Amino acid sequence: MMKLYLLLFLSVVSFSCMEQKKTEETLQAKNKTIDSLKAELKDCTAQAKIMAEVLEKERIELQNNKATK
């Protein structure tokens, strides 16, 4: 999904450079794309933190299991 947003963003940038026109509509599309990418980045960061916490808990449990054996 992120690749799609990046592709969309690059397409918008390329199109605006070729046309040499910075219309309000193009700027709004860029802003929406940037906002979408920021939101997706925050979501990915939150998911990565959750995954790291789960993996850390599993690692601790494995260490505790090895220590009790």
Protein backbone atom coordinates (compact mmCIF):
# COMPACT_ATOMS: atom_id res chain seq x y z
CA MET A 1 0.00 0.00 0.00
CA MET A 2 2.84 2.34 0.83
CA LYS A 3 4.40 1.69 -2.58
CA LEU A 4 1.14 2.76 -4.18
CA TYR A 5 1.19 6.04 -2.27
CA LEU A 6 4.83 6.64 -3.17
CA LEU A 7 4.10 5.92 -6.82
CA LEU A 8 1.13 8.28 -6.72
CA PHE A 9 3.23 10.97 -5.09
CA LEU A 10 6.04 10.62 -7.63
CA SER A 11 3.52 10.67 -10.48
CA VAL A 12 1.99 13.88 -9.18
CA VAL A 13 5.41 15.48 -8.81
CA SER A 14 6.48 14.42 -12.32
CA PHE A 15 3.25 15.64 -13.85
CA SER A 16 3.51 19.02 -12.16
CA CYS A 17 7.11 19.45 -13.35
CA MET A 18 6.17 18.67 -16.96
CA GLU A 19 3.24 21.02 -17.02
CA GLN A 20 5.03 23.83 -15.15
CA LYS A 21 1.73 24.67 -13.47
CA LYS A 22 1.16 24.52 -9.75
CA THR A 23 -2.58 24.59 -9.51
CA GLU A 24 -4.48 24.49 -6.26
CA GLU A 25 -5.87 21.08 -7.21
CA THR A 26 -2.38 19.62 -7.66
CA LEU A 27 -1.22 21.09 -4.37
CA GLN A 28 -4.24 19.60 -2.60
CA ALA A 29 -3.50 16.19 -4.12
CA LYS A 30 0.11 16.41 -2.94
CA ASN A 31 -1.00 17.43 0.54
CA LYS A 32 -3.45 14.52 0.71
CA THR A 33 -0.71 12.14 -0.43
CA ILE A 34 1.73 13.49 2.13
CA ASP A 35 -0.89 13.30 4.87
CA SER A 36 -1.69 9.72 3.87
CA LEU A 37 1.98 8.77 3.94
CA LYS A 38 2.42 10.39 7.36
CA ALA A 39 -0.59 8.51 8.72
CA GLU A 40 0.64 5.22 7.29
CA LEU A 41 4.11 5.81 8.72
CA LYS A 42 2.64 6.45 12.17
CA ASP A 43 0.56 3.27 11.86
CA CYS A 44 3.59 1.22 10.79
CA THR A 45 5.62 2.65 13.66
CA ALA A 46 2.91 1.73 16.14
CA GLN A 47 2.68 -1.79 14.71
CA ALA A 48 6.45 -2.18 14.89
CA LYS A 49 6.45 -1.14 18.55
CA ILE A 50 3.73 -3.67 19.34
CA MET A 51 5.60 -6.42 17.50
CA ALA A 52 8.82 -5.53 19.33
CA GLU A 53 7.03 -5.72 22.68
CA VAL A 54 5.53 -9.12 21.84
CA LEU A 55 8.90 -10.46 20.70
CA GLU A 56 10.56 -9.13 23.84
CA LYS A 57 7.94 -10.85 26.03
CA GLU A 58 8.45 -14.11 24.14
CA ARG A 59 12.21 -13.82 24.55
CA ILE A 60 11.85 -13.25 28.30
CA GLU A 61 9.46 -16.20 28.60
CA LEU A 62 11.92 -18.45 26.74
CA GLN A 63 14.75 -17.33 29.01
CA ASN A 64 12.60 -17.96 32.09
CA ASN A 65 11.63 -21.41 30.81
CA LYS A 66 15.28 -22.30 30.18
CA ALA A 67 16.25 -21.02 33.63
CA THR A 68 13.59 -23.12 35.39
CA LYS A 69 14.58 -26.34 33.61
